[in-house]
Amino acid sequence: MSSSQNIYLTTAYVILFSFWLLSYYIVIPVPLNLIVQSSSIVYIGSHRSINLLVSESDGGVASTDKEMLSINDAYKFPLIGSAALFSLYIAFKYCDKDTVNLIISLYFSLVGIFALTSSFSKFVSQFITSKKQYGFKRSFPWIGEVDLLVTPAEIICLILSTIFSYIYFKTKHYMMNNIFGICFCIQSIERISIGSYKIGVILLIGLFFYDIFWVFGTDVMVTVAKSFDGPIKLLFPRELPSLESKGSFSLLGLGDIVIPGLFVALLLRLDATKAKIQFKGGEHEYFFKPYFLTNVICYALGLVCTVGIMYFFNAAQPALLYLVPACIGGSLAVGLSRGELSELFSYDEEAAAKIEKEAAIATSASSSSSASSTTVEATDKKND
């Protein structure tokens, strides 16, 4: 990565965690806090997602850590999301809320340990450079392969993450909630590809109607968001907690960061592909990013509209109602202005992944065949 690229990414990290830390001491205006933190997460996650373009052998994301959404996944996503959301609504309405939240907290505390470990181990590994691995990697019936090989840096992060997760489980402090939420968002954007621009558009449009229905058509979304005591949302204080008060907060669901973030990240990888950037040991040079930069700005403007209308009507707003048109509209505007609409709609990482996989299989088969021929030849010579 070029020095200027490093500076921009480091600046995004500094801004994000400065706002996170300041939220403990002062009440930052919610619109400013929400827009800056969310846009920073999308910026960081998108740049980390560039490694999806790099093969595992060249230092890219491990194949076991990658997720690729298909067009069928995009069609099903609103339905699966609706089923999960309504199930939680039923659970909160007819079961003991404390019990439901206890189960949810246990789950997210465990998942959070691995999310924090993965997020911070890359940073810690700059200081603890040993690559020696401990643990095991083994396949189990019905489960599949379990990889528990860890480096010294990961062991230290795992211990610290476990302590952090335990404290969160006991206190449910909003600052710790936000750390979990930030890590979940960045890792999701970093590791998941929505396959192609077409799939991205289908996914966003489906969730556009999903969000409108569950927020405006029913009380389900708002009820679950207020009842759910777990890091599925970022909390922005309107009033700081004190000995006399628990404080008051505005919230933004992680889906309103991750879903548009996946789309913005795809556009950054489109820019990288168009620029034909070369990766050397995981590093790459600076490149022009018209689609990405436009859509980061459009994402921020979509949040401005969301917050503005929320305050004007004094009512909860489905953020995707404003974010989806902003992101799709921004990408189409750039494609139209550059005369690249056909290229935009034809961009497909799913097809590229299939070609890469087939090439890897062919290479493996060729190597096996070569090894087999060598063995036969050696046997023949021995017999002679």
Protein backbone atom coordinates (compact mmCIF):
# COMPACT_ATOMS: atom_id res chain seq x y z
CA MET A 1 0.00 0.00 0.00
CA SER A 2 1.42 3.41 -0.90
CA SER A 3 2.45 5.86 1.84
CA SER A 4 -0.39 8.25 0.95
CA GLN A 5 -2.86 5.37 1.08
CA ASN A 6 -1.53 4.41 4.50
CA ILE A 7 -1.93 7.98 5.72
CA TYR A 8 -5.58 8.13 4.63
CA LEU A 9 -6.40 4.79 6.22
CA THR A 10 -4.56 5.64 9.44
CA THR A 11 -6.40 8.97 9.55
CA ALA A 12 -9.72 7.12 9.26
CA TYR A 13 -8.74 4.88 12.20
CA VAL A 14 -7.70 7.89 14.28
CA ILE A 15 -10.95 9.75 13.53
CA LEU A 16 -13.10 6.70 14.30
CA PHE A 17 -11.51 5.89 17.64
CA SER A 18 -11.19 9.57 18.64
CA PHE A 19 -14.95 9.98 18.29
CA TRP A 20 -15.49 6.66 20.08
CA LEU A 21 -13.29 7.76 23.01
CA LEU A 22 -14.69 11.30 23.22
CA SER A 23 -18.19 9.83 23.47
CA TYR A 24 -17.27 8.69 26.99
CA TYR A 25 -16.43 12.19 28.20
CA ILE A 26 -18.66 14.59 26.26
CA VAL A 27 -21.94 14.57 24.40
CA ILE A 28 -20.98 14.90 20.75
CA PRO A 29 -23.97 16.04 18.64
CA VAL A 30 -25.63 12.80 17.56
CA PRO A 31 -25.80 13.66 13.82
CA LEU A 32 -22.07 14.43 13.72
CA ASN A 33 -21.10 11.41 15.84
CA LEU A 34 -23.29 8.99 13.88
CA ILE A 35 -22.24 10.18 10.43
CA VAL A 36 -18.49 10.36 11.17
CA GLN A 37 -18.24 6.99 12.91
CA SER A 38 -20.39 5.13 10.37
CA SER A 39 -18.63 6.63 7.33
CA SER A 40 -15.22 5.88 8.88
CA ILE A 41 -16.21 2.24 9.41
CA VAL A 42 -17.30 1.93 5.77
CA TYR A 43 -14.06 3.58 4.58
CA ILE A 44 -11.85 1.29 6.70
CA GLY A 45 -13.78 -1.91 5.96
CA SER A 46 -13.78 -1.18 2.23
CA HIS A 47 -10.02 -0.72 2.08
CA ARG A 48 -9.43 -3.88 4.08
CA SER A 49 -11.72 -5.72 1.62
CA ILE A 50 -9.28 -5.12 -1.25
CA ASN A 51 -7.52 -8.29 -0.08
CA LEU A 52 -10.52 -10.21 -1.46
CA LEU A 53 -8.96 -9.59 -4.87
CA VAL A 54 -5.74 -11.29 -3.78
CA SER A 55 -5.33 -15.05 -3.75
CA GLU A 56 -4.58 -16.71 -0.43
CA SER A 57 -1.14 -17.80 -1.67
CA ASP A 58 -0.27 -14.14 -2.39
CA GLY A 59 -1.26 -12.93 1.06
CA GLY A 60 -4.99 -12.35 0.55
CA VAL A 61 -7.87 -13.36 2.80
CA ALA A 62 -7.88 -17.08 3.62
CA SER A 63 -10.45 -18.99 1.56
CA THR A 64 -12.10 -20.24 4.77
CA ASP A 65 -12.66 -16.63 5.86
CA LYS A 66 -14.21 -15.45 2.58
CA GLU A 67 -17.94 -15.31 1.91
CA MET A 68 -19.42 -14.78 -1.55
CA LEU A 69 -23.10 -13.94 -1.91
CA SER A 70 -24.89 -15.39 -4.94
CA ILE A 71 -27.92 -13.94 -6.68
CA ASN A 72 -30.11 -16.50 -4.87
CA ASP A 73 -28.69 -15.27 -1.54
CA ALA A 74 -29.64 -11.71 -2.50
CA TYR A 75 -33.23 -12.72 -3.29
CA LYS A 76 -33.54 -14.74 -0.06
CA PHE A 77 -31.87 -12.21 2.24
CA PRO A 78 -34.97 -10.04 2.96
CA LEU A 79 -37.03 -13.18 3.64
CA ILE A 80 -34.46 -14.71 5.96
CA GLY A 81 -33.97 -11.36 7.67
CA SER A 82 -37.73 -10.99 8.12
CA ALA A 83 -38.01 -14.46 9.65
CA ALA A 84 -35.17 -13.76 12.09
CA LEU A 85 -36.54 -10.34 13.01
CA PHE A 86 -40.08 -11.59 13.59
CA SER A 87 -38.78 -14.53 15.65
CA LEU A 88 -36.98 -12.11 17.95
CA TYR A 89 -40.13 -9.98 18.18
CA ILE A 90 -42.17 -13.03 19.25
CA ALA A 91 -39.48 -14.02 21.75
CA PHE A 92 -39.44 -10.57 23.35
CA LYS A 93 -43.22 -10.33 23.38
CA TYR A 94 -44.09 -13.73 24.82
CA CYS A 95 -40.95 -14.80 26.72
CA ASP A 96 -39.08 -13.28 29.60
CA LYS A 97 -36.97 -10.44 28.14
CA ASP A 98 -34.17 -10.93 30.64
CA THR A 99 -33.83 -14.61 29.70
CA VAL A 100 -33.84 -13.83 25.96
CA ASN A 101 -31.23 -11.11 26.43
CA LEU A 102 -29.12 -13.40 28.62
CA ILE A 103 -28.94 -16.00 25.84
CA ILE A 104 -28.21 -13.31 23.25
CA SER A 105 -25.52 -11.74 25.45
CA LEU A 106 -23.79 -15.08 25.94
CA TYR A 107 -23.76 -15.68 22.20
CA PHE A 108 -22.40 -12.25 21.29
CA SER A 109 -19.84 -12.33 24.08
CA LEU A 110 -18.42 -15.58 22.68
CA VAL A 111 -18.53 -14.38 19.06
CA GLY A 112 -17.07 -11.07 20.18
CA ILE A 113 -13.96 -12.78 21.57
CA PHE A 114 -13.02 -14.06 18.11
CA ALA A 115 -14.05 -10.83 16.37
CA LEU A 116 -11.83 -8.74 18.65
CA THR A 117 -8.96 -11.23 18.37
CA SER A 118 -9.09 -11.17 14.58
CA SER A 119 -9.42 -7.38 14.46
CA PHE A 120 -6.49 -6.53 16.71
CA SER A 121 -4.09 -9.43 16.05
CA LYS A 122 -2.91 -7.77 12.81
CA PHE A 123 -1.93 -4.68 14.80
CA VAL A 124 -0.28 -6.63 17.64
CA SER A 125 1.62 -8.84 15.18
CA GLN A 126 3.62 -5.76 14.14
CA PHE A 127 5.27 -5.89 17.57
CA ILE A 128 5.14 -9.64 18.31
CA THR A 129 6.48 -10.93 15.03
CA SER A 130 6.86 -14.65 15.78
CA LYS A 131 5.03 -16.77 13.19
CA LYS A 132 5.20 -19.99 15.21
CA GLN A 133 1.76 -21.57 15.56
CA TYR A 134 0.25 -23.46 18.48
CA GLY A 135 -2.88 -25.59 18.62
CA PHE A 136 -4.25 -27.90 15.96
CA LYS A 137 -6.08 -28.06 12.62
CA ARG A 138 -8.29 -31.11 12.26
CA SER A 139 -11.44 -32.36 10.52
CA PHE A 140 -14.35 -33.68 12.56
CA PRO A 141 -17.44 -35.66 11.44
CA TRP A 142 -20.50 -33.44 10.75
CA ILE A 143 -18.52 -30.33 11.69
CA GLY A 144 -15.83 -30.21 9.04
CA GLU A 145 -12.39 -28.67 9.40
CA VAL A 146 -11.62 -26.87 12.67
CA ASP A 147 -8.60 -24.55 12.54
CA LEU A 148 -7.32 -23.66 16.01
CA LEU A 149 -3.78 -22.77 15.03
CA VAL A 150 -2.77 -19.46 16.63
CA THR A 151 0.35 -17.30 16.70
CA PRO A 152 1.77 -15.67 19.88
CA ALA A 153 0.19 -12.35 18.84
CA GLU A 154 -3.20 -14.05 18.46
CA ILE A 155 -2.84 -15.77 21.86
CA ILE A 156 -2.26 -12.42 23.59
CA CYS A 157 -5.22 -10.86 21.73
CA LEU A 158 -7.38 -13.87 22.60
CA ILE A 159 -6.62 -13.48 26.33
CA LEU A 160 -7.29 -9.73 26.29
CA SER A 161 -10.44 -10.19 24.18
CA THR A 162 -11.77 -12.79 26.63
CA ILE A 163 -11.27 -10.37 29.55
CA PHE A 164 -12.90 -7.55 27.56
CA SER A 165 -15.84 -9.76 26.59
CA TYR A 166 -16.38 -10.86 30.19
CA ILE A 167 -16.46 -7.26 31.41
CA TYR A 168 -18.93 -6.37 28.65
CA PHE A 169 -21.14 -9.31 29.63
CA LYS A 170 -21.22 -8.09 33.25
CA THR A 171 -21.61 -4.36 32.61
CA LYS A 172 -23.18 -3.96 29.13
CA HIS A 173 -21.40 -0.61 28.90
CA TYR A 174 -22.26 1.33 25.76
CA MET A 175 -18.59 2.01 24.95
CA MET A 176 -17.80 -1.71 24.95
CA ASN A 177 -20.98 -2.36 22.95
CA ASN A 178 -19.70 0.06 20.30
CA ILE A 179 -16.27 -1.60 20.14
CA PHE A 180 -17.95 -4.93 19.42
CA GLY A 181 -20.21 -3.27 16.85
CA ILE A 182 -17.28 -1.57 15.09
CA CYS A 183 -15.34 -4.85 14.90
CA PHE A 184 -18.37 -6.78 13.60
CA CYS A 185 -18.96 -4.17 10.88
CA ILE A 186 -15.35 -3.90 9.70
CA GLN A 187 -14.88 -7.66 9.59
CA SER A 188 -18.14 -8.22 7.72
CA ILE A 189 -17.27 -5.63 5.08
CA GLU A 190 -13.71 -6.96 4.89
CA ARG A 191 -14.61 -10.62 4.36
CA ILE A 192 -17.92 -10.68 2.46
CA SER A 193 -18.25 -10.03 -1.26
CA ILE A 194 -21.68 -9.40 -2.74
CA GLY A 195 -20.48 -11.09 -5.92
CA SER A 196 -21.33 -8.53 -8.58
CA TYR A 197 -22.80 -5.09 -9.09
CA LYS A 198 -26.11 -6.62 -10.20
CA ILE A 199 -26.32 -8.74 -7.03
CA GLY A 200 -25.51 -5.66 -4.97
CA VAL A 201 -28.37 -3.71 -6.55
CA ILE A 202 -30.82 -6.60 -6.02
CA LEU A 203 -29.74 -6.95 -2.38
CA LEU A 204 -30.07 -3.23 -1.65
CA ILE A 205 -33.48 -2.92 -3.33
CA GLY A 206 -34.80 -5.98 -1.46
CA LEU A 207 -33.63 -4.60 1.89
CA PHE A 208 -34.97 -1.15 0.96
CA PHE A 209 -38.52 -2.56 0.99
CA TYR A 210 -37.71 -4.81 3.96
CA ASP A 211 -36.71 -1.81 6.07
CA ILE A 212 -39.71 0.29 5.04
CA PHE A 213 -42.19 -2.50 5.82
CA TRP A 214 -40.83 -3.43 9.25
CA VAL A 215 -40.40 0.17 10.40
CA PHE A 216 -43.45 1.92 8.93
CA GLY A 217 -45.78 -1.06 8.49
CA THR A 218 -45.37 -2.59 11.95
CA ASP A 219 -43.80 -1.91 15.35
CA VAL A 220 -41.57 -4.98 15.00
CA MET A 221 -38.26 -3.31 14.05
CA VAL A 222 -38.47 -0.56 16.67
CA THR A 223 -39.59 -2.99 19.40
CA VAL A 224 -36.72 -5.40 18.73
CA ALA A 225 -34.16 -2.60 18.47
CA LYS A 226 -35.22 -1.16 21.84
CA SER A 227 -35.53 -4.54 23.57
CA PHE A 228 -32.40 -6.20 22.15
CA ASP A 229 -29.57 -5.86 24.66
CA GLY A 230 -26.63 -6.79 22.44
CA PRO A 231 -24.05 -5.26 20.09
CA ILE A 232 -26.25 -5.25 16.97
CA LYS A 233 -26.36 -1.46 17.03
CA LEU A 234 -24.10 1.50 17.70
CA LEU A 235 -25.19 3.73 20.56
CA PHE A 236 -24.67 7.51 20.43
CA PRO A 237 -25.25 9.31 23.75
CA ARG A 238 -27.70 12.19 23.91
CA GLU A 239 -27.12 12.33 27.67
CA LEU A 240 -24.14 10.72 29.40
CA PRO A 241 -24.81 8.07 32.05
CA SER A 242 -24.29 9.12 35.67
CA LEU A 243 -24.95 7.80 39.16
CA GLU A 244 -28.50 9.14 38.95
CA SER A 245 -29.25 8.30 35.33
CA LYS A 246 -28.58 5.53 32.80
CA GLY A 247 -28.28 8.16 30.10
CA SER A 248 -30.19 8.34 26.83
CA PHE A 249 -29.03 7.22 23.41
CA SER A 250 -29.76 7.33 19.71
CA LEU A 251 -28.95 4.15 17.83
CA LEU A 252 -28.03 2.91 14.38
CA GLY A 253 -28.36 -0.77 13.48
CA LEU A 254 -25.23 -2.50 12.23
CA GLY A 255 -27.13 -3.56 9.10
CA ASP A 256 -27.36 0.11 8.11
CA ILE A 257 -23.57 0.17 8.05
CA VAL A 258 -22.71 -3.31 6.78
CA ILE A 259 -25.20 -3.65 3.89
CA PRO A 260 -24.35 -0.34 2.18
CA GLY A 261 -20.73 -0.92 3.23
CA LEU A 262 -20.58 -4.17 1.24
CA PHE A 263 -21.83 -2.28 -1.81
CA VAL A 264 -19.33 0.57 -1.37
CA ALA A 265 -16.51 -1.96 -0.84
CA LEU A 266 -17.46 -3.72 -4.08
CA LEU A 267 -17.14 -0.41 -5.91
CA LEU A 268 -13.69 0.15 -4.42
CA ARG A 269 -12.63 -3.25 -5.74
CA LEU A 270 -14.14 -2.29 -9.11
CA ASP A 271 -11.92 0.80 -9.10
CA ALA A 272 -8.92 -1.38 -8.19
CA THR A 273 -9.71 -3.85 -10.99
CA LYS A 274 -10.13 -1.06 -13.55
CA ALA A 275 -6.83 0.48 -12.44
CA LYS A 276 -5.12 -2.95 -12.83
CA ILE A 277 -3.26 -2.49 -9.56
CA GLN A 278 -0.47 -4.90 -8.75
CA PHE A 279 -0.20 -6.55 -5.34
CA LYS A 280 3.26 -7.16 -3.90
CA GLY A 281 3.33 -8.96 -0.57
CA GLY A 282 -0.14 -7.67 0.27
CA GLU A 283 0.86 -4.10 -0.64
CA HIS A 284 -0.45 -2.06 -3.57
CA GLU A 285 0.09 1.33 -5.11
CA TYR A 286 -2.33 4.26 -4.98
CA PHE A 287 -5.10 4.23 -7.61
CA PHE A 288 -7.93 6.49 -8.78
CA LYS A 289 -11.26 5.69 -7.04
CA PRO A 290 -14.14 7.57 -8.70
CA TYR A 291 -16.85 5.01 -7.81
CA PHE A 292 -15.68 4.50 -4.26
CA LEU A 293 -15.15 8.15 -3.28
CA THR A 294 -18.48 9.19 -4.79
CA ASN A 295 -20.29 6.45 -2.90
CA VAL A 296 -18.64 7.17 0.45
CA ILE A 297 -19.89 10.76 0.06
CA CYS A 298 -23.34 9.51 -1.03
CA TYR A 299 -23.46 7.17 1.99
CA ALA A 300 -22.68 10.09 4.32
CA LEU A 301 -25.32 12.25 2.61
CA GLY A 302 -27.84 9.42 3.00
CA LEU A 303 -27.16 9.43 6.73
CA VAL A 304 -27.58 13.21 6.80
CA CYS A 305 -31.05 12.78 5.25
CA THR A 306 -31.91 10.00 7.70
CA VAL A 307 -30.95 12.02 10.77
CA GLY A 308 -32.48 15.24 9.45
CA ILE A 309 -35.87 13.66 8.76
CA MET A 310 -35.73 11.74 12.05
CA TYR A 311 -35.34 15.00 13.98
CA PHE A 312 -37.87 16.86 11.82
CA PHE A 313 -40.63 14.28 12.38
CA ASN A 314 -39.35 13.16 15.80
CA ALA A 315 -39.81 9.52 14.76
CA ALA A 316 -37.60 6.52 13.99
CA GLN A 317 -36.57 6.28 10.34
CA PRO A 318 -35.50 3.24 8.26
CA ALA A 319 -31.99 4.34 7.29
CA LEU A 320 -31.95 2.15 4.16
CA LEU A 321 -34.85 4.21 2.81
CA TYR A 322 -32.30 6.99 2.21
CA LEU A 323 -29.04 5.03 1.96
CA VAL A 324 -30.12 2.69 -0.85
CA PRO A 325 -31.12 5.43 -3.36
CA ALA A 326 -28.00 7.40 -2.38
CA CYS A 327 -25.59 4.50 -3.00
CA ILE A 328 -27.23 3.10 -6.14
CA GLY A 329 -27.84 6.60 -7.52
CA GLY A 330 -24.24 7.65 -6.84
CA SER A 331 -22.77 4.61 -8.61
CA LEU A 332 -25.09 5.03 -11.62
CA ALA A 333 -24.24 8.74 -11.86
CA VAL A 334 -20.51 7.96 -12.01
CA GLY A 335 -21.04 5.15 -14.53
CA LEU A 336 -23.20 7.39 -16.72
CA SER A 337 -20.83 10.36 -16.56
CA ARG A 338 -17.86 8.14 -17.50
CA GLY A 339 -19.77 6.18 -20.17
CA GLU A 340 -19.18 2.93 -18.25
CA LEU A 341 -22.68 1.72 -17.41
CA SER A 342 -22.25 -1.56 -19.31
CA GLU A 343 -18.88 -2.14 -17.62
CA LEU A 344 -20.44 -1.37 -14.24
CA PHE A 345 -23.27 -3.87 -14.68
CA SER A 346 -20.92 -6.53 -16.03
CA TYR A 347 -18.52 -6.37 -13.07
CA ASP A 348 -18.65 -9.84 -11.50
CA GLU A 349 -16.36 -11.14 -8.75
CA GLU A 350 -18.35 -14.37 -8.51
CA ALA A 351 -17.32 -15.36 -12.05
CA ALA A 352 -13.70 -14.40 -11.35
CA ALA A 353 -13.73 -16.52 -8.17
CA LYS A 354 -15.05 -19.53 -10.14
CA ILE A 355 -12.30 -19.15 -12.74
CA GLU A 356 -9.66 -18.87 -10.01
CA LYS A 357 -11.05 -21.95 -8.24
CA GLU A 358 -11.11 -23.99 -11.46
CA ALA A 359 -7.53 -22.91 -12.22
CA ALA A 360 -6.43 -23.95 -8.71
CA ILE A 361 -8.13 -27.35 -9.12
CA ALA A 362 -6.51 -27.81 -12.54
CA THR A 363 -3.11 -26.89 -11.13
CA SER A 364 -3.57 -29.29 -8.24
CA ALA A 365 -4.65 -32.09 -10.59
CA SER A 366 -1.68 -31.38 -12.85
CA SER A 367 0.70 -31.51 -9.89
CA SER A 368 -0.82 -34.79 -8.68
CA SER A 369 -0.56 -36.27 -12.18
CA SER A 370 3.04 -35.16 -12.43
CA ALA A 371 3.86 -36.65 -9.04
CA SER A 372 2.13 -39.89 -10.03
CA SER A 373 4.09 -40.06 -13.30
CA THR A 374 7.33 -39.47 -11.42
CA THR A 375 6.51 -42.28 -9.00
CA VAL A 376 5.70 -44.69 -11.86
CA GLU A 377 8.87 -43.71 -13.67
CA ALA A 378 10.94 -44.23 -10.52
CA THR A 379 9.30 -47.64 -10.01
CA ASP A 380 9.98 -48.65 -13.60
CA LYS A 381 13.63 -47.70 -13.27
CA LYS A 382 13.87 -49.72 -10.07
CA ASN A 383 12.36 -52.76 -11.79
CA ASP A 384 14.78 -52.41 -14.66
